[in-house]
Amino acid sequence: MTKRERVTATLRGEAIDRPPVSFWRHFYHKEGSATGLAEAMLAFQERYDWDFVKVNPRASYHAEGWGLQVKFRGEQGFKPERISYPIQITSDWKKIEVLTPEEGVLGEQLGSLRLIREGLGPEVAMVQTIFTPLSIAGDLVGSPDQLLQDLRERPEILHQALQVIADTFSRYARACLGAGADGIFLATTEWASYDLLTDAEYREFGRLYDLQVLSGAAEGSFNIVHVCGRRNMLKALLDYPAHAFNWAATDPTNPSLEEILQLAGKAVIGGIDEKVTLQYGSWEDLRQEMERARRQGSEGKWILGPGCAIPVGVPEAQLKRIRQEVERW
């Protein structure tokens, strides 16, 4: 099977030759430009030959158009430093306006997608990372506590801002498809977790705006919802119109791959603990974790992957062994 055939068949629950596999990571020293990001993504794909590419732009791109300022160190392994946040006081939320996807930093990212698609050719599916509107709002302030205070004390102002963000990224999601993406990777970051919010709060400040962004990618063939972190709200989001879900399935506070496969009837991506097993475990530890995930995904609609972006220090040998092992399957 080709990579695209394998991924498409898995999403549909059809027969496949082997489970698809993909991992993704940041290349901080290359993420400051469209060409740099494209070069990094294409080189990573050429080295490991994943079944699909999850584009990993700098996280700050979502908020830079509204004034988030970052300083790039230009060194491998070092994140860009956030040096100034646009929302200092509650009334600042009223200042943000809808952005045009083809301009500024969003336009830069669309340019990178076009370069990556050109380099990949048609046979490899590609998804673009987009944070949820609530997560983007969290990047506009200096701390989660500041956003939580505004959310609980001045909800009407925050709703206005979240609508602006949702309008912008719904349009941007649609533009990503036009630039060659097969779908989006909608990431909640820390905000769909019971460590920060209740179900009722996420329904009010998360769900409505998440669905608007997903609607922008409705024509996509491979939309993924990624629910970050521990104690996540994944079960409350299983009705989202996505083709697959990705989360830290190895975390004991989260549901397992098997549980979500049974509950959702949609594809799941994951099974590898990227923070511990992948980065520090022996090959035997990693192989056993792969086999556990494989057994949980035995009913189909399972793609082997990490629970989140892999750390930059993951040994190359581990990734090569994963690819070799999957081919033996």
Protein backbone atom coordinates (compact mmCIF):
# COMPACT_ATOMS: atom_id res chain seq x y z
CA MET A 1 0.00 0.00 0.00
CA THR A 2 1.09 3.58 -0.48
CA LYS A 3 1.28 5.77 2.61
CA ARG A 4 -1.88 7.62 1.66
CA GLU A 5 -3.75 4.38 0.95
CA ARG A 6 -2.63 2.96 4.30
CA VAL A 7 -3.72 6.00 6.29
CA THR A 8 -7.04 6.33 4.44
CA ALA A 9 -7.86 2.64 4.92
CA THR A 10 -7.02 2.87 8.62
CA LEU A 11 -9.34 5.85 9.12
CA ARG A 12 -12.12 3.83 7.47
CA GLY A 13 -11.39 0.63 9.40
CA GLU A 14 -10.51 -1.26 6.23
CA ALA A 15 -7.84 -3.93 5.70
CA ILE A 16 -4.24 -2.70 5.76
CA ASP A 17 -0.83 -4.27 5.22
CA ARG A 18 0.51 -2.87 8.52
CA PRO A 19 -0.44 -0.10 10.98
CA PRO A 20 0.59 3.42 9.93
CA VAL A 21 3.18 5.20 12.05
CA SER A 22 4.24 8.82 12.48
CA PHE A 23 6.16 10.89 15.00
CA TRP A 24 6.68 14.64 15.10
CA ARG A 25 8.93 17.15 16.84
CA HIS A 26 10.12 20.75 16.90
CA PHE A 27 13.21 22.08 15.16
CA TYR A 28 13.47 25.37 17.03
CA HIS A 29 16.50 26.64 15.13
CA LYS A 30 14.66 26.27 11.80
CA GLU A 31 11.17 27.50 12.71
CA GLY A 32 11.72 31.23 12.28
CA SER A 33 11.01 31.21 8.54
CA ALA A 34 8.79 29.43 6.02
CA THR A 35 11.76 27.94 4.20
CA GLY A 36 13.50 26.85 7.38
CA LEU A 37 10.44 25.06 8.71
CA ALA A 38 9.81 23.39 5.37
CA GLU A 39 13.41 22.21 5.15
CA ALA A 40 13.25 20.74 8.66
CA MET A 41 9.95 18.95 8.09
CA LEU A 42 11.06 17.49 4.75
CA ALA A 43 14.44 16.36 6.12
CA PHE A 44 12.75 14.62 9.06
CA GLN A 45 10.35 12.87 6.71
CA GLU A 46 13.15 11.82 4.37
CA ARG A 47 15.09 10.34 7.28
CA TYR A 48 12.26 8.28 8.80
CA ASP A 49 9.69 7.84 6.03
CA TRP A 50 6.60 8.33 8.22
CA ASP A 51 3.15 7.44 6.91
CA PHE A 52 1.94 11.02 7.34
CA VAL A 53 3.52 14.35 8.25
CA LYS A 54 2.30 16.44 11.15
CA VAL A 55 3.75 19.89 10.55
CA ASN A 56 5.24 21.32 13.75
CA PRO A 57 5.56 25.11 13.42
CA ARG A 58 6.67 27.31 16.28
CA ALA A 59 3.88 27.39 18.85
CA SER A 60 3.95 31.18 19.07
CA TYR A 61 2.81 31.65 15.46
CA HIS A 62 -0.81 31.50 16.58
CA ALA A 63 -0.50 34.65 18.68
CA GLU A 64 2.20 36.70 16.97
CA GLY A 65 -0.32 38.44 14.70
CA TRP A 66 -1.95 39.94 17.80
CA GLY A 67 1.30 41.19 19.27
CA LEU A 68 3.00 38.31 21.05
CA GLN A 69 6.71 39.02 20.72
CA VAL A 70 9.33 36.29 20.66
CA LYS A 71 13.10 36.20 20.42
CA PHE A 72 14.69 33.45 18.36
CA ARG A 73 17.97 32.05 19.64
CA GLY A 74 18.69 30.25 16.41
CA GLU A 75 20.20 27.29 18.24
CA GLN A 76 19.06 23.71 18.02
CA GLY A 77 17.16 22.58 21.09
CA PHE A 78 16.30 26.05 22.41
CA LYS A 79 12.73 27.31 22.22
CA PRO A 80 12.04 30.88 21.10
CA GLU A 81 11.80 33.12 24.16
CA ARG A 82 8.54 34.97 24.71
CA ILE A 83 9.43 38.51 25.69
CA SER A 84 6.16 40.51 25.55
CA TYR A 85 2.48 39.62 25.87
CA PRO A 86 -0.25 41.80 24.28
CA ILE A 87 -2.94 41.27 26.95
CA GLN A 88 -1.80 43.02 30.10
CA ILE A 89 -5.17 43.99 31.55
CA THR A 90 -8.70 42.71 30.93
CA SER A 91 -9.73 45.60 28.67
CA ASP A 92 -6.90 44.69 26.27
CA TRP A 93 -9.00 41.78 24.99
CA LYS A 94 -11.17 44.35 23.18
CA LYS A 95 -8.23 45.41 21.02
CA ILE A 96 -7.75 42.20 19.06
CA GLU A 97 -9.25 42.06 15.59
CA VAL A 98 -9.78 39.34 12.99
CA LEU A 99 -6.59 38.61 11.03
CA THR A 100 -6.33 37.87 7.31
CA PRO A 101 -4.92 34.34 6.84
CA GLU A 102 -2.90 35.21 3.74
CA GLU A 103 -1.03 38.04 5.48
CA GLY A 104 1.62 38.32 8.17
CA VAL A 105 2.73 35.31 10.14
CA LEU A 106 -0.26 33.24 9.04
CA GLY A 107 0.62 33.89 5.42
CA GLU A 108 4.18 32.83 6.21
CA GLN A 109 2.91 29.52 7.55
CA LEU A 110 0.77 28.97 4.46
CA GLY A 111 3.91 29.50 2.39
CA SER A 112 5.68 26.84 4.39
CA LEU A 113 2.81 24.41 3.81
CA ARG A 114 3.07 24.94 0.07
CA LEU A 115 6.80 24.21 0.16
CA ILE A 116 6.27 21.06 2.24
CA ARG A 117 3.53 19.81 -0.05
CA GLU A 118 5.73 20.39 -3.07
CA GLY A 119 8.54 18.43 -1.43
CA LEU A 120 6.34 15.57 -0.25
CA GLY A 121 4.46 15.08 -3.47
CA PRO A 122 0.88 13.81 -3.51
CA GLU A 123 1.30 10.45 -1.79
CA VAL A 124 1.98 11.58 1.79
CA ALA A 125 -0.84 13.07 3.88
CA MET A 126 0.05 16.28 5.73
CA VAL A 127 -1.74 18.04 8.59
CA GLN A 128 -1.13 21.52 9.95
CA THR A 129 -1.02 22.24 13.67
CA ILE A 130 -3.59 24.75 14.92
CA PHE A 131 -4.23 25.47 18.58
CA THR A 132 -7.77 25.83 19.88
CA PRO A 133 -9.01 29.41 20.38
CA LEU A 134 -8.90 29.06 24.18
CA SER A 135 -5.32 27.83 23.94
CA ILE A 136 -4.41 30.76 21.69
CA ALA A 137 -5.99 33.13 24.22
CA GLY A 138 -3.73 31.53 26.80
CA ASP A 139 -0.72 32.48 24.68
CA LEU A 140 -1.77 36.14 24.66
CA VAL A 141 -1.40 36.52 28.43
CA GLY A 142 1.55 36.06 30.72
CA SER A 143 0.11 33.22 32.81
CA PRO A 144 -2.78 30.74 32.92
CA ASP A 145 -3.98 32.39 36.11
CA GLN A 146 -4.57 35.65 34.25
CA LEU A 147 -6.75 33.93 31.64
CA LEU A 148 -8.64 31.98 34.30
CA GLN A 149 -9.38 35.16 36.21
CA ASP A 150 -10.77 36.90 33.13
CA LEU A 151 -12.71 33.78 32.14
CA ARG A 152 -14.44 33.65 35.52
CA GLU A 153 -14.80 37.33 36.32
CA ARG A 154 -15.32 38.98 32.89
CA PRO A 155 -16.68 36.21 30.66
CA GLU A 156 -18.43 38.58 28.25
CA ILE A 157 -15.14 40.25 27.27
CA LEU A 158 -13.34 36.95 26.87
CA HIS A 159 -16.15 35.56 24.69
CA GLN A 160 -15.74 38.51 22.33
CA ALA A 161 -12.02 37.78 22.02
CA LEU A 162 -12.52 34.05 21.56
CA GLN A 163 -14.95 34.76 18.71
CA VAL A 164 -12.33 36.91 16.98
CA ILE A 165 -9.76 34.14 17.36
CA ALA A 166 -12.21 31.50 16.12
CA ASP A 167 -13.14 33.60 13.09
CA THR A 168 -9.47 34.05 12.23
CA PHE A 169 -8.48 30.42 12.57
CA SER A 170 -11.57 29.02 10.92
CA ARG A 171 -10.56 31.01 7.85
CA TYR A 172 -6.95 29.99 8.31
CA ALA A 173 -7.89 26.30 8.55
CA ARG A 174 -9.68 26.59 5.22
CA ALA A 175 -6.63 28.32 3.74
CA CYS A 176 -4.40 25.48 4.99
CA LEU A 177 -6.38 23.02 2.89
CA GLY A 178 -5.88 25.29 -0.09
CA ALA A 179 -2.14 25.32 0.58
CA GLY A 180 -1.93 21.54 0.38
CA ALA A 181 -2.80 20.26 3.85
CA ASP A 182 -5.10 17.23 4.10
CA GLY A 183 -6.48 18.48 7.40
CA ILE A 184 -5.59 20.13 10.69
CA PHE A 185 -4.17 18.91 13.97
CA LEU A 186 -6.33 20.83 16.46
CA ALA A 187 -4.46 20.95 19.77
CA THR A 188 -5.99 21.94 23.09
CA THR A 189 -2.60 22.31 24.82
CA GLU A 190 -3.21 22.36 28.59
CA TRP A 191 -6.69 23.85 28.44
CA ALA A 192 -8.84 20.72 28.04
CA SER A 193 -7.73 19.32 31.38
CA TYR A 194 -9.50 18.97 34.69
CA ASP A 195 -6.38 20.47 36.26
CA LEU A 196 -7.55 23.86 34.94
CA LEU A 197 -11.23 23.78 34.01
CA THR A 198 -14.51 22.03 34.73
CA ASP A 199 -16.62 20.36 32.06
CA ALA A 200 -19.07 23.26 32.23
CA GLU A 201 -16.32 25.83 31.75
CA TYR A 202 -14.89 24.00 28.75
CA ARG A 203 -18.34 23.69 27.19
CA GLU A 204 -18.75 27.44 27.49
CA PHE A 205 -15.29 28.69 26.58
CA GLY A 206 -13.83 25.83 24.54
CA ARG A 207 -16.31 23.72 22.60
CA LEU A 208 -18.16 26.43 20.68
CA TYR A 209 -14.95 27.93 19.34
CA ASP A 210 -13.20 24.60 18.71
CA LEU A 211 -16.08 23.56 16.49
CA GLN A 212 -15.83 26.74 14.48
CA VAL A 213 -12.18 26.07 13.68
CA LEU A 214 -12.97 22.47 12.75
CA SER A 215 -15.74 23.74 10.48
CA GLY A 216 -13.12 25.66 8.55
CA ALA A 217 -11.38 22.36 7.83
CA ALA A 218 -14.60 20.48 7.09
CA GLU A 219 -13.46 19.68 3.55
CA GLY A 220 -10.31 18.02 4.88
CA SER A 221 -9.84 14.27 4.72
CA PHE A 222 -7.64 13.91 7.81
CA ASN A 223 -8.54 16.15 10.75
CA ILE A 224 -7.03 15.20 14.11
CA VAL A 225 -8.06 16.44 17.57
CA HIS A 226 -5.15 16.38 20.01
CA VAL A 227 -6.02 16.62 23.72
CA CYS A 228 -2.89 17.41 25.69
CA GLY A 229 -1.69 16.45 29.10
CA ARG A 230 -2.94 14.52 32.08
CA ARG A 231 -6.49 14.30 33.43
CA ASN A 232 -7.72 15.34 30.02
CA MET A 233 -11.26 15.92 28.81
CA LEU A 234 -11.02 13.65 25.78
CA LYS A 235 -14.20 11.70 26.56
CA ALA A 236 -16.19 14.94 26.50
CA LEU A 237 -14.86 15.78 23.02
CA LEU A 238 -15.45 12.49 21.23
CA ASP A 239 -18.34 13.93 19.24
CA TYR A 240 -16.07 16.50 17.60
CA PRO A 241 -16.14 16.13 13.78
CA ALA A 242 -12.62 14.75 13.44
CA HIS A 243 -11.21 11.68 11.73
CA ALA A 244 -8.84 10.74 14.57
CA PHE A 245 -7.91 11.53 18.15
CA ASN A 246 -4.42 11.80 19.68
CA TRP A 247 -3.57 12.06 23.38
CA ALA A 248 -1.25 10.75 26.09
CA ALA A 249 -2.84 7.30 26.18
CA THR A 250 -0.05 5.89 28.37
CA ASP A 251 -0.79 8.35 31.20
CA PRO A 252 -2.75 6.52 33.93
CA THR A 253 -5.05 9.53 34.43
CA ASN A 254 -6.23 9.34 30.80
CA PRO A 255 -8.33 6.78 28.89
CA SER A 256 -6.54 4.01 27.03
CA LEU A 257 -6.38 3.48 23.28
CA GLU A 258 -8.71 0.51 23.60
CA GLU A 259 -11.29 2.47 25.59
CA ILE A 260 -11.48 5.33 23.10
CA LEU A 261 -11.61 2.95 20.14
CA GLN A 262 -14.68 1.35 21.68
CA LEU A 263 -16.32 4.63 22.67
CA ALA A 264 -15.62 6.78 19.62
CA GLY A 265 -15.61 4.46 16.64
CA LYS A 266 -12.99 6.75 15.11
CA ALA A 267 -9.27 6.31 14.58
CA VAL A 268 -6.81 6.79 17.42
CA ILE A 269 -3.17 7.84 17.22
CA GLY A 270 -0.68 7.07 19.96
CA GLY A 271 0.55 4.41 22.31
CA ILE A 272 4.11 5.60 22.96
CA ASP A 273 5.20 7.55 26.04
CA GLU A 274 7.47 10.11 24.40
CA LYS A 275 8.58 11.69 27.67
CA VAL A 276 9.92 8.56 29.36
CA THR A 277 9.96 5.35 27.32
CA LEU A 278 10.97 6.88 24.01
CA GLN A 279 13.54 9.25 25.45
CA TYR A 280 15.07 7.22 28.30
CA GLY A 281 13.85 3.62 28.02
CA SER A 282 15.75 0.69 26.61
CA TRP A 283 14.83 -0.74 23.23
CA GLU A 284 13.14 -3.65 25.00
CA ASP A 285 11.03 -1.21 27.06
CA LEU A 286 10.01 0.59 23.89
CA ARG A 287 9.29 -2.59 21.97
CA GLN A 288 7.03 -3.85 24.76
CA GLU A 289 5.15 -0.53 24.81
CA MET A 290 4.67 -0.79 21.06
CA GLU A 291 3.28 -4.30 21.45
CA ARG A 292 0.87 -3.21 24.20
CA ALA A 293 -0.41 -0.45 21.95
CA ARG A 294 -0.69 -2.90 19.07
CA ARG A 295 -2.83 -5.26 21.13
CA GLN A 296 -5.10 -2.42 22.23
CA GLY A 297 -5.46 -1.31 18.61
CA SER A 298 -6.01 -4.81 17.26
CA GLU A 299 -9.59 -4.01 16.20
CA GLY A 300 -8.25 -1.53 13.64
CA LYS A 301 -8.36 2.24 13.22
CA TRP A 302 -5.08 2.60 15.10
CA ILE A 303 -1.98 4.58 14.12
CA LEU A 304 1.22 4.19 16.13
CA GLY A 305 2.54 7.49 17.42
CA PRO A 306 3.48 9.54 20.48
CA GLY A 307 1.13 11.18 22.94
CA CYS A 308 2.51 14.60 21.98
CA ALA A 309 5.48 16.12 20.14
CA ILE A 310 8.59 14.13 20.97
CA PRO A 311 11.40 15.85 22.91
CA VAL A 312 14.27 17.18 20.83
CA GLY A 313 16.70 14.90 22.68
CA VAL A 314 15.11 11.59 21.68
CA PRO A 315 17.86 9.23 20.45
CA GLU A 316 17.79 8.79 16.70
CA ALA A 317 18.36 5.07 17.16
CA GLN A 318 15.01 4.71 18.91
CA LEU A 319 13.10 6.21 16.00
CA LYS A 320 14.96 4.06 13.48
CA ARG A 321 14.17 0.92 15.48
CA ILE A 322 10.49 1.86 15.63
CA ARG A 323 10.37 2.17 11.86
CA GLN A 324 12.13 -1.15 11.37
CA GLU A 325 9.85 -2.90 13.85
CA VAL A 326 6.69 -1.54 12.24
CA GLU A 327 7.87 -2.77 8.85
CA ARG A 328 8.27 -6.27 10.33
CA TRP A 329 4.63 -6.12 11.47
